[in-house]
Amino acid sequence: MAHLVENMAYVGRTPWHGLGNQLANQQPLEVWMREAGMDWEIRETPVRFISSEAGTLGQISSFPDQKVLFRSDNQEPLSVVSNRFKVVQPREVLEFYRDLTEQSGFELETAGVLKGGRKLWALARTGQTGSLAGNDQTNGYVLLATACDGTLATTAQFTSIRVVCNNTLAVALNGAGQAVK
């Protein structure tokens, strides 16, 4: 399971791993959110621990400099982060594309959840295409990806890689000199 896909949605050709929910073109963001498995929130709570001495039940204490992030839908923990960490909600990843899809002619092509919710991405086709030697065609995309486990700052960039999993996300992000973080 190197692809690490929990859930995803796509239009067009089926991803190499055969996973995901195929959508018709030009679906509203609310449909994308549901079908890509992004219809939940990242919640946070202080880090708490139980200190115990032999023969006692222990005392619950807080660690004030860090917080636990967890999913609202299944209560699964996502990560422990600094209190300075800015959470980017799954809904915000898709909302990034609202104006681009409604007014600029971009079209969402893939979106999904990786690593149990620790990473999220959405990818829209820009309409820019190119031809390579032979009959190969390349498409231009704009990618927005984020992680809540400290492995990736929220990143927006142009790419020619069709992101459909953790593998293709890593390739798209590798050497991205023109990314906005």
N, C-alpha and C. Protein backbone atom coordinates (compact mmCIF):
# COMPACT_ATOMS: atom_id res chain seq x y z
N MET A 1 0.81 -1.20 0.00
CA MET A 1 0.00 0.00 0.00
C MET A 1 0.86 1.26 0.00
N ALA A 2 1.84 1.32 -0.86
CA ALA A 2 2.70 2.49 -0.93
C ALA A 2 1.95 3.73 -1.38
N HIS A 3 0.79 3.53 -1.96
CA HIS A 3 0.01 4.69 -2.42
C HIS A 3 -0.59 5.46 -1.25
N LEU A 4 -0.84 4.80 -0.12
CA LEU A 4 -1.34 5.39 1.13
C LEU A 4 -2.67 6.14 0.96
N VAL A 5 -3.47 5.78 -0.03
CA VAL A 5 -4.75 6.43 -0.27
C VAL A 5 -5.79 5.88 0.69
N GLU A 6 -6.40 6.79 1.45
CA GLU A 6 -7.55 6.40 2.28
C GLU A 6 -8.82 6.54 1.45
N ASN A 7 -8.93 7.67 0.76
CA ASN A 7 -10.09 7.93 -0.08
C ASN A 7 -9.71 9.00 -1.09
N MET A 8 -10.34 8.97 -2.24
CA MET A 8 -10.09 9.99 -3.25
C MET A 8 -11.22 10.01 -4.26
N ALA A 9 -11.28 11.10 -5.00
CA ALA A 9 -12.21 11.24 -6.12
C ALA A 9 -11.42 11.74 -7.32
N TYR A 10 -11.95 11.45 -8.50
CA TYR A 10 -11.26 11.86 -9.72
C TYR A 10 -12.25 11.98 -10.87
N VAL A 11 -11.85 12.72 -11.88
CA VAL A 11 -12.54 12.73 -13.16
C VAL A 11 -11.55 12.22 -14.21
N GLY A 12 -12.07 11.73 -15.31
CA GLY A 12 -11.18 11.25 -16.35
C GLY A 12 -10.74 9.82 -16.11
N ARG A 13 -9.52 9.52 -16.53
CA ARG A 13 -9.05 8.13 -16.47
C ARG A 13 -8.84 7.67 -15.02
N THR A 14 -9.05 6.38 -14.83
CA THR A 14 -8.89 5.77 -13.51
C THR A 14 -7.42 5.79 -13.11
N PRO A 15 -7.12 6.16 -11.86
CA PRO A 15 -5.72 6.16 -11.39
C PRO A 15 -5.09 4.77 -11.50
N TRP A 16 -3.77 4.74 -11.53
CA TRP A 16 -3.02 3.50 -11.70
C TRP A 16 -3.38 2.45 -10.66
N HIS A 17 -3.72 2.86 -9.43
CA HIS A 17 -4.01 1.91 -8.36
C HIS A 17 -5.46 1.43 -8.37
N GLY A 18 -6.29 2.02 -9.21
CA GLY A 18 -7.68 1.59 -9.33
C GLY A 18 -8.59 2.03 -8.21
N LEU A 19 -8.11 2.91 -7.35
CA LEU A 19 -8.90 3.36 -6.20
C LEU A 19 -9.61 4.67 -6.49
N GLY A 20 -10.61 4.98 -5.70
CA GLY A 20 -11.26 6.28 -5.78
C GLY A 20 -12.64 6.22 -6.37
N ASN A 21 -13.33 7.34 -6.26
CA ASN A 21 -14.69 7.50 -6.77
C ASN A 21 -14.64 8.35 -8.02
N GLN A 22 -15.10 7.79 -9.13
CA GLN A 22 -15.10 8.54 -10.38
C GLN A 22 -16.29 9.47 -10.41
N LEU A 23 -16.04 10.73 -10.77
CA LEU A 23 -17.07 11.75 -10.83
C LEU A 23 -17.25 12.23 -12.27
N ALA A 24 -18.44 12.72 -12.56
CA ALA A 24 -18.67 13.40 -13.83
C ALA A 24 -17.97 14.75 -13.77
N ASN A 25 -17.69 15.33 -14.91
CA ASN A 25 -17.04 16.63 -14.98
C ASN A 25 -17.88 17.71 -14.29
N GLN A 26 -17.20 18.72 -13.77
CA GLN A 26 -17.79 19.94 -13.23
C GLN A 26 -18.78 19.70 -12.09
N GLN A 27 -18.39 18.87 -11.16
CA GLN A 27 -19.21 18.64 -9.96
C GLN A 27 -18.97 19.78 -8.96
N PRO A 28 -19.97 20.12 -8.16
CA PRO A 28 -19.76 21.15 -7.13
C PRO A 28 -18.76 20.69 -6.08
N LEU A 29 -18.15 21.65 -5.41
CA LEU A 29 -17.15 21.32 -4.39
C LEU A 29 -17.72 20.45 -3.28
N GLU A 30 -18.98 20.59 -2.98
CA GLU A 30 -19.60 19.78 -1.93
C GLU A 30 -19.59 18.29 -2.31
N VAL A 31 -19.79 18.00 -3.58
CA VAL A 31 -19.72 16.61 -4.06
C VAL A 31 -18.28 16.11 -3.96
N TRP A 32 -17.34 16.94 -4.40
CA TRP A 32 -15.93 16.57 -4.29
C TRP A 32 -15.57 16.28 -2.84
N MET A 33 -16.02 17.12 -1.92
CA MET A 33 -15.69 16.95 -0.51
C MET A 33 -16.16 15.59 0.00
N ARG A 34 -17.38 15.24 -0.32
CA ARG A 34 -17.95 13.96 0.13
C ARG A 34 -17.24 12.78 -0.55
N GLU A 35 -17.11 12.82 -1.86
CA GLU A 35 -16.57 11.68 -2.60
C GLU A 35 -15.07 11.50 -2.43
N ALA A 36 -14.37 12.56 -2.10
CA ALA A 36 -12.92 12.47 -1.85
C ALA A 36 -12.62 12.12 -0.39
N GLY A 37 -13.67 11.99 0.42
CA GLY A 37 -13.46 11.65 1.83
C GLY A 37 -12.95 12.82 2.65
N MET A 38 -13.28 14.05 2.23
CA MET A 38 -12.78 15.24 2.92
C MET A 38 -13.89 15.97 3.67
N ASP A 39 -14.95 15.28 4.02
CA ASP A 39 -16.09 15.89 4.70
C ASP A 39 -16.03 15.70 6.22
N TRP A 40 -14.92 16.06 6.80
CA TRP A 40 -14.70 16.02 8.23
C TRP A 40 -13.79 17.20 8.59
N GLU A 41 -13.60 17.43 9.87
CA GLU A 41 -12.75 18.53 10.33
C GLU A 41 -11.60 18.00 11.17
N ILE A 42 -10.53 18.79 11.21
CA ILE A 42 -9.42 18.52 12.11
C ILE A 42 -9.71 19.28 13.39
N ARG A 43 -9.81 18.57 14.48
CA ARG A 43 -10.05 19.19 15.78
C ARG A 43 -8.78 19.09 16.61
N GLU A 44 -8.74 19.87 17.67
CA GLU A 44 -7.55 19.88 18.51
C GLU A 44 -7.93 19.88 19.98
N THR A 45 -7.02 19.34 20.77
CA THR A 45 -7.19 19.29 22.22
C THR A 45 -5.80 19.36 22.86
N PRO A 46 -5.70 19.87 24.08
CA PRO A 46 -4.38 19.91 24.73
C PRO A 46 -3.82 18.50 24.96
N VAL A 47 -2.50 18.41 24.95
CA VAL A 47 -1.85 17.15 25.30
C VAL A 47 -2.01 16.94 26.80
N ARG A 48 -2.50 15.79 27.16
CA ARG A 48 -2.67 15.45 28.58
C ARG A 48 -1.97 14.12 28.86
N PHE A 49 -1.50 13.98 30.09
CA PHE A 49 -0.83 12.74 30.46
C PHE A 49 -1.15 12.43 31.90
N ILE A 50 -0.97 11.16 32.26
CA ILE A 50 -1.22 10.72 33.64
C ILE A 50 0.12 10.42 34.28
N SER A 51 0.41 11.14 35.35
CA SER A 51 1.62 10.85 36.11
C SER A 51 1.21 9.99 37.30
N SER A 52 1.92 8.92 37.48
CA SER A 52 1.51 8.02 38.56
C SER A 52 2.70 7.65 39.42
N GLU A 53 2.42 7.51 40.65
CA GLU A 53 3.38 7.00 41.61
C GLU A 53 2.93 5.59 41.97
N ALA A 54 3.84 4.80 42.43
CA ALA A 54 3.48 3.43 42.80
C ALA A 54 2.37 3.44 43.83
N GLY A 55 1.33 2.70 43.56
CA GLY A 55 0.22 2.57 44.51
C GLY A 55 -0.83 3.66 44.39
N THR A 56 -0.72 4.59 43.44
CA THR A 56 -1.75 5.62 43.28
C THR A 56 -2.32 5.55 41.86
N LEU A 57 -3.45 6.17 41.67
CA LEU A 57 -4.08 6.20 40.36
C LEU A 57 -3.42 7.21 39.44
N GLY A 58 -2.76 8.21 39.99
CA GLY A 58 -2.09 9.20 39.19
C GLY A 58 -2.90 10.47 39.03
N GLN A 59 -2.25 11.45 38.50
CA GLN A 59 -2.85 12.76 38.30
C GLN A 59 -2.81 13.10 36.82
N ILE A 60 -3.91 13.67 36.32
CA ILE A 60 -3.95 14.10 34.92
C ILE A 60 -3.37 15.50 34.84
N SER A 61 -2.36 15.66 33.98
CA SER A 61 -1.70 16.95 33.80
C SER A 61 -1.71 17.31 32.32
N SER A 62 -1.51 18.59 32.04
CA SER A 62 -1.45 19.06 30.66
C SER A 62 -0.02 19.46 30.31
N PHE A 63 0.29 19.37 29.04
CA PHE A 63 1.54 19.86 28.50
C PHE A 63 1.16 21.08 27.66
N PRO A 64 1.38 22.29 28.17
CA PRO A 64 0.79 23.49 27.57
C PRO A 64 1.36 23.91 26.21
N ASP A 65 2.50 23.41 25.81
CA ASP A 65 3.12 23.88 24.58
C ASP A 65 2.71 23.09 23.34
N GLN A 66 1.94 22.02 23.52
CA GLN A 66 1.57 21.19 22.38
C GLN A 66 0.10 20.82 22.43
N LYS A 67 -0.40 20.37 21.25
CA LYS A 67 -1.80 19.96 21.15
C LYS A 67 -1.88 18.70 20.29
N VAL A 68 -2.94 17.94 20.49
CA VAL A 68 -3.22 16.75 19.70
C VAL A 68 -4.24 17.13 18.64
N LEU A 69 -3.98 16.76 17.40
CA LEU A 69 -4.95 16.94 16.32
C LEU A 69 -5.64 15.60 16.08
N PHE A 70 -6.97 15.64 15.87
CA PHE A 70 -7.71 14.41 15.64
C PHE A 70 -8.87 14.68 14.68
N ARG A 71 -9.41 13.61 14.10
CA ARG A 71 -10.49 13.72 13.14
C ARG A 71 -11.84 13.83 13.85
N SER A 72 -12.70 14.67 13.30
CA SER A 72 -14.04 14.84 13.89
C SER A 72 -14.95 13.66 13.60
N ASP A 73 -14.72 12.93 12.50
CA ASP A 73 -15.65 11.86 12.11
C ASP A 73 -15.41 10.55 12.85
N ASN A 74 -14.17 10.22 13.14
CA ASN A 74 -13.89 8.94 13.79
C ASN A 74 -13.02 9.06 15.04
N GLN A 75 -12.69 10.28 15.43
CA GLN A 75 -11.89 10.57 16.62
C GLN A 75 -10.47 10.00 16.56
N GLU A 76 -10.01 9.58 15.39
CA GLU A 76 -8.66 9.03 15.26
C GLU A 76 -7.63 10.14 15.39
N PRO A 77 -6.55 9.91 16.16
CA PRO A 77 -5.50 10.92 16.29
C PRO A 77 -4.73 11.07 14.98
N LEU A 78 -4.33 12.30 14.69
CA LEU A 78 -3.56 12.60 13.49
C LEU A 78 -2.11 12.93 13.82
N SER A 79 -1.90 13.77 14.85
CA SER A 79 -0.53 14.13 15.21
C SER A 79 -0.53 14.95 16.49
N VAL A 80 0.67 15.13 17.02
CA VAL A 80 0.92 16.05 18.13
C VAL A 80 1.78 17.17 17.55
N VAL A 81 1.32 18.41 17.73
CA VAL A 81 2.00 19.56 17.13
C VAL A 81 2.14 20.68 18.16
N SER A 82 2.94 21.65 17.82
CA SER A 82 3.11 22.84 18.65
C SER A 82 1.81 23.64 18.67
N ASN A 83 1.61 24.40 19.72
CA ASN A 83 0.44 25.29 19.79
C ASN A 83 0.48 26.36 18.70
N ARG A 84 1.63 26.60 18.11
CA ARG A 84 1.76 27.58 17.02
C ARG A 84 1.30 27.01 15.68
N PHE A 85 1.08 25.71 15.59
CA PHE A 85 0.71 25.06 14.33
C PHE A 85 -0.65 25.57 13.85
N LYS A 86 -0.72 25.98 12.59
CA LYS A 86 -1.95 26.47 11.98
C LYS A 86 -2.60 25.32 11.21
N VAL A 87 -3.77 24.94 11.65
CA VAL A 87 -4.51 23.85 11.01
C VAL A 87 -5.15 24.35 9.72
N VAL A 88 -5.01 23.56 8.65
CA VAL A 88 -5.72 23.80 7.40
C VAL A 88 -6.75 22.68 7.28
N GLN A 89 -8.01 23.05 7.28
CA GLN A 89 -9.09 22.09 7.24
C GLN A 89 -9.23 21.46 5.85
N PRO A 90 -9.72 20.21 5.78
CA PRO A 90 -9.97 19.59 4.47
C PRO A 90 -10.85 20.46 3.57
N ARG A 91 -11.86 21.08 4.14
CA ARG A 91 -12.76 21.95 3.37
C ARG A 91 -11.98 23.12 2.75
N GLU A 92 -11.00 23.65 3.47
CA GLU A 92 -10.21 24.78 2.96
C GLU A 92 -9.36 24.38 1.76
N VAL A 93 -8.91 23.12 1.72
CA VAL A 93 -8.13 22.66 0.57
C VAL A 93 -8.98 22.76 -0.69
N LEU A 94 -10.22 22.32 -0.62
CA LEU A 94 -11.10 22.39 -1.79
C LEU A 94 -11.60 23.81 -2.05
N GLU A 95 -11.87 24.56 -1.02
CA GLU A 95 -12.35 25.94 -1.19
C GLU A 95 -11.33 26.81 -1.94
N PHE A 96 -10.06 26.46 -1.83
CA PHE A 96 -9.01 27.15 -2.57
C PHE A 96 -9.34 27.21 -4.06
N TYR A 97 -10.03 26.20 -4.56
CA TYR A 97 -10.32 26.09 -5.99
C TYR A 97 -11.63 26.74 -6.43
N ARG A 98 -12.43 27.23 -5.50
CA ARG A 98 -13.76 27.72 -5.87
C ARG A 98 -13.71 28.78 -6.97
N ASP A 99 -12.96 29.84 -6.78
CA ASP A 99 -12.88 30.89 -7.81
C ASP A 99 -12.20 30.38 -9.08
N LEU A 100 -11.18 29.53 -8.91
CA LEU A 100 -10.47 29.02 -10.07
C LEU A 100 -11.38 28.17 -10.96
N THR A 101 -12.27 27.40 -10.35
CA THR A 101 -13.15 26.54 -11.14
C THR A 101 -14.38 27.29 -11.64
N GLU A 102 -14.89 28.23 -10.86
CA GLU A 102 -16.12 28.93 -11.24
C GLU A 102 -15.87 30.07 -12.22
N GLN A 103 -14.69 30.70 -12.17
CA GLN A 103 -14.47 31.89 -12.98
C GLN A 103 -13.27 31.81 -13.92
N SER A 104 -12.34 30.92 -13.66
CA SER A 104 -11.11 30.90 -14.46
C SER A 104 -11.00 29.70 -15.38
N GLY A 105 -11.98 28.84 -15.39
CA GLY A 105 -11.96 27.71 -16.32
C GLY A 105 -11.14 26.51 -15.87
N PHE A 106 -10.61 26.52 -14.67
CA PHE A 106 -9.90 25.34 -14.16
C PHE A 106 -10.94 24.29 -13.82
N GLU A 107 -10.53 23.02 -13.84
CA GLU A 107 -11.45 21.94 -13.47
C GLU A 107 -10.76 20.97 -12.53
N LEU A 108 -11.39 20.70 -11.38
CA LEU A 108 -10.82 19.72 -10.46
C LEU A 108 -10.68 18.38 -11.17
N GLU A 109 -9.54 17.74 -10.95
CA GLU A 109 -9.32 16.43 -11.57
C GLU A 109 -9.12 15.33 -10.54
N THR A 110 -8.43 15.63 -9.43
CA THR A 110 -8.27 14.65 -8.35
C THR A 110 -8.27 15.37 -7.02
N ALA A 111 -8.67 14.67 -5.98
CA ALA A 111 -8.59 15.17 -4.60
C ALA A 111 -8.66 13.97 -3.69
N GLY A 112 -8.01 14.07 -2.54
CA GLY A 112 -8.09 12.93 -1.65
C GLY A 112 -7.39 13.08 -0.32
N VAL A 113 -7.46 11.99 0.42
CA VAL A 113 -6.95 11.88 1.78
C VAL A 113 -5.92 10.76 1.81
N LEU A 114 -4.77 11.06 2.37
CA LEU A 114 -3.68 10.09 2.50
C LEU A 114 -3.35 9.85 3.96
N LYS A 115 -2.77 8.70 4.24
CA LYS A 115 -2.23 8.39 5.57
C LYS A 115 -3.24 8.63 6.68
N GLY A 116 -4.47 8.17 6.50
CA GLY A 116 -5.48 8.27 7.55
C GLY A 116 -5.95 9.69 7.83
N GLY A 117 -5.64 10.62 6.95
CA GLY A 117 -6.04 12.01 7.13
C GLY A 117 -4.88 12.93 7.44
N ARG A 118 -3.69 12.39 7.54
CA ARG A 118 -2.52 13.22 7.85
C ARG A 118 -2.10 14.10 6.68
N LYS A 119 -2.41 13.68 5.45
CA LYS A 119 -2.11 14.48 4.26
C LYS A 119 -3.37 14.60 3.41
N LEU A 120 -3.51 15.76 2.78
CA LEU A 120 -4.66 16.05 1.92
C LEU A 120 -4.15 16.73 0.67
N TRP A 121 -4.85 16.52 -0.45
CA TRP A 121 -4.47 17.23 -1.67
C TRP A 121 -5.69 17.42 -2.56
N ALA A 122 -5.59 18.39 -3.44
CA ALA A 122 -6.54 18.58 -4.54
C ALA A 122 -5.74 19.11 -5.72
N LEU A 123 -6.17 18.73 -6.91
CA LEU A 123 -5.46 19.05 -8.14
C LEU A 123 -6.47 19.47 -9.19
N ALA A 124 -6.21 20.61 -9.84
CA ALA A 124 -7.11 21.10 -10.89
C ALA A 124 -6.34 21.26 -12.19
N ARG A 125 -6.99 20.89 -13.27
CA ARG A 125 -6.41 21.08 -14.61
C ARG A 125 -6.56 22.54 -14.99
N THR A 126 -5.48 23.11 -15.50
CA THR A 126 -5.47 24.53 -15.86
C THR A 126 -5.97 24.80 -17.27
N GLY A 127 -6.01 23.77 -18.10
CA GLY A 127 -6.35 23.96 -19.51
C GLY A 127 -5.12 24.11 -20.39
N GLN A 128 -3.95 24.26 -19.79
CA GLN A 128 -2.69 24.34 -20.53
C GLN A 128 -2.26 22.92 -20.89
N THR A 129 -1.93 22.69 -22.15
CA THR A 129 -1.46 21.38 -22.58
C THR A 129 -0.22 21.54 -23.44
N GLY A 130 0.48 20.46 -23.61
CA GLY A 130 1.65 20.46 -24.48
C GLY A 130 1.82 19.08 -25.09
N SER A 131 2.53 19.02 -26.18
CA SER A 131 2.80 17.74 -26.84
C SER A 131 4.28 17.41 -26.73
N LEU A 132 4.55 16.15 -26.48
CA LEU A 132 5.91 15.66 -26.43
C LEU A 132 6.16 14.85 -27.69
N ALA A 133 7.38 14.38 -27.86
CA ALA A 133 7.72 13.58 -29.03
C ALA A 133 6.73 12.42 -29.16
N GLY A 134 6.32 12.14 -30.36
CA GLY A 134 5.31 11.10 -30.58
C GLY A 134 3.93 11.66 -30.30
N ASN A 135 3.09 10.85 -29.71
CA ASN A 135 1.72 11.27 -29.42
C ASN A 135 1.48 11.59 -27.95
N ASP A 136 2.53 11.69 -27.18
CA ASP A 136 2.37 11.98 -25.75
C ASP A 136 1.94 13.41 -25.53
N GLN A 137 0.99 13.57 -24.62
CA GLN A 137 0.48 14.90 -24.28
C GLN A 137 0.68 15.12 -22.80
N THR A 138 1.00 16.33 -22.42
CA THR A 138 1.15 16.69 -21.01
C THR A 138 0.14 17.78 -20.68
N ASN A 139 -0.37 17.72 -19.46
CA ASN A 139 -1.36 18.70 -18.99
C ASN A 139 -0.77 19.53 -17.87
N GLY A 140 -1.21 20.76 -17.78
CA GLY A 140 -0.82 21.63 -16.69
C GLY A 140 -1.86 21.57 -15.58
N TYR A 141 -1.39 21.51 -14.36
CA TYR A 141 -2.26 21.44 -13.18
C TYR A 141 -1.81 22.46 -12.15
N VAL A 142 -2.73 22.81 -11.25
CA VAL A 142 -2.36 23.53 -10.04
C VAL A 142 -2.70 22.61 -8.88
N LEU A 143 -1.73 22.42 -8.00
CA LEU A 143 -1.81 21.48 -6.89
C LEU A 143 -1.83 22.26 -5.58
N LEU A 144 -2.71 21.85 -4.66
CA LEU A 144 -2.67 22.33 -3.29
C LEU A 144 -2.61 21.10 -2.40
N ALA A 145 -1.58 21.04 -1.56
CA ALA A 145 -1.39 19.90 -0.67
C ALA A 145 -1.01 20.41 0.71
N THR A 146 -1.41 19.67 1.72
CA THR A 146 -1.07 20.04 3.09
C THR A 146 -0.97 18.78 3.93
N ALA A 147 -0.36 18.91 5.09
CA ALA A 147 -0.25 17.81 6.04
C ALA A 147 -0.39 18.36 7.45
N CYS A 148 -0.95 17.55 8.32
CA CYS A 148 -1.07 17.99 9.71
C CYS A 148 -0.13 17.19 10.61
N ASP A 149 0.82 16.51 10.01
CA ASP A 149 1.76 15.72 10.82
C ASP A 149 3.19 16.26 10.76
N GLY A 150 3.35 17.48 10.24
CA GLY A 150 4.67 18.10 10.20
C GLY A 150 5.53 17.69 9.02
N THR A 151 5.02 16.88 8.11
CA THR A 151 5.83 16.41 6.98
C THR A 151 5.73 17.31 5.76
N LEU A 152 4.79 18.27 5.74
CA LEU A 152 4.60 19.10 4.57
C LEU A 152 3.91 20.40 4.97
N ALA A 153 4.51 21.53 4.62
CA ALA A 153 3.82 22.81 4.78
C ALA A 153 2.76 22.89 3.70
N THR A 154 1.70 23.63 3.96
CA THR A 154 0.67 23.83 2.94
C THR A 154 1.35 24.44 1.71
N THR A 155 1.18 23.78 0.56
CA THR A 155 1.92 24.13 -0.64
C THR A 155 0.98 24.25 -1.83
N ALA A 156 1.12 25.35 -2.58
CA ALA A 156 0.40 25.53 -3.84
C ALA A 156 1.44 25.67 -4.93
N GLN A 157 1.25 24.96 -6.03
CA GLN A 157 2.23 25.02 -7.12
C GLN A 157 1.62 24.51 -8.42
N PHE A 158 2.26 24.90 -9.51
CA PHE A 158 1.92 24.34 -10.81
C PHE A 158 2.74 23.07 -11.00
N THR A 159 2.15 22.10 -11.70
CA THR A 159 2.83 20.83 -11.95
C THR A 159 2.28 20.21 -13.23
N SER A 160 3.02 19.29 -13.78
CA SER A 160 2.51 18.50 -14.91
C SER A 160 2.23 17.07 -14.47
N ILE A 161 2.37 16.80 -13.19
CA ILE A 161 2.13 15.47 -12.62
C ILE A 161 0.67 15.36 -12.18
N ARG A 162 -0.04 14.32 -12.62
CA ARG A 162 -1.41 14.07 -12.18
C ARG A 162 -1.32 13.34 -10.84
N VAL A 163 -1.58 14.05 -9.75
CA VAL A 163 -1.45 13.49 -8.40
C VAL A 163 -2.67 12.62 -8.10
N VAL A 164 -2.39 11.34 -7.76
CA VAL A 164 -3.46 10.40 -7.43
C VAL A 164 -3.14 9.58 -6.18
N CYS A 165 -1.99 9.83 -5.55
CA CYS A 165 -1.58 9.04 -4.39
C CYS A 165 -0.36 9.69 -3.73
N ASN A 166 0.14 9.06 -2.68
CA ASN A 166 1.31 9.58 -1.99
C ASN A 166 2.54 9.58 -2.89
N ASN A 167 2.67 8.55 -3.73
CA ASN A 167 3.83 8.46 -4.64
C ASN A 167 3.85 9.62 -5.61
N THR A 168 2.73 9.87 -6.28
CA THR A 168 2.70 10.94 -7.28
C THR A 168 2.74 12.31 -6.63
N LEU A 169 2.22 12.43 -5.40
CA LEU A 169 2.34 13.70 -4.66
C LEU A 169 3.81 13.99 -4.38
N ALA A 170 4.55 12.99 -3.95
CA ALA A 170 5.98 13.17 -3.66
C ALA A 170 6.75 13.59 -4.92
N VAL A 171 6.43 12.99 -6.06
CA VAL A 171 7.10 13.35 -7.31
C VAL A 171 6.76 14.79 -7.69
N ALA A 172 5.49 15.16 -7.57
CA ALA A 172 5.07 16.52 -7.92
C ALA A 172 5.74 17.57 -7.03
N LEU A 173 5.91 17.25 -5.76
CA LEU A 173 6.50 18.21 -4.81
C LEU A 173 8.02 18.24 -4.86
N ASN A 174 8.63 17.21 -5.40
CA ASN A 174 10.09 17.11 -5.43
C ASN A 174 10.68 18.20 -6.33
N GLY A 175 11.52 19.02 -5.77
CA GLY A 175 12.19 20.05 -6.54
C GLY A 175 11.29 21.17 -7.01
N ALA A 176 10.20 21.39 -6.31
CA ALA A 176 9.25 22.44 -6.70
C ALA A 176 9.80 23.80 -6.30
N GLY A 177 10.57 24.40 -7.19
CA GLY A 177 11.16 25.70 -6.90
C GLY A 177 10.18 26.85 -6.95
N GLN A 178 9.08 26.69 -7.66
CA GLN A 178 8.10 27.77 -7.82
C GLN A 178 6.89 27.59 -6.92
N ALA A 179 7.00 26.85 -5.86
CA ALA A 179 5.88 26.61 -4.96
C ALA A 179 5.67 27.78 -4.02
N VAL A 180 4.42 27.98 -3.64
CA VAL A 180 4.06 28.95 -2.61
C VAL A 180 3.69 28.15 -1.37
N LYS A 181 4.32 28.49 -0.25
CA LYS A 181 4.07 27.74 0.99
C LYS A 181 3.54 28.69 2.05
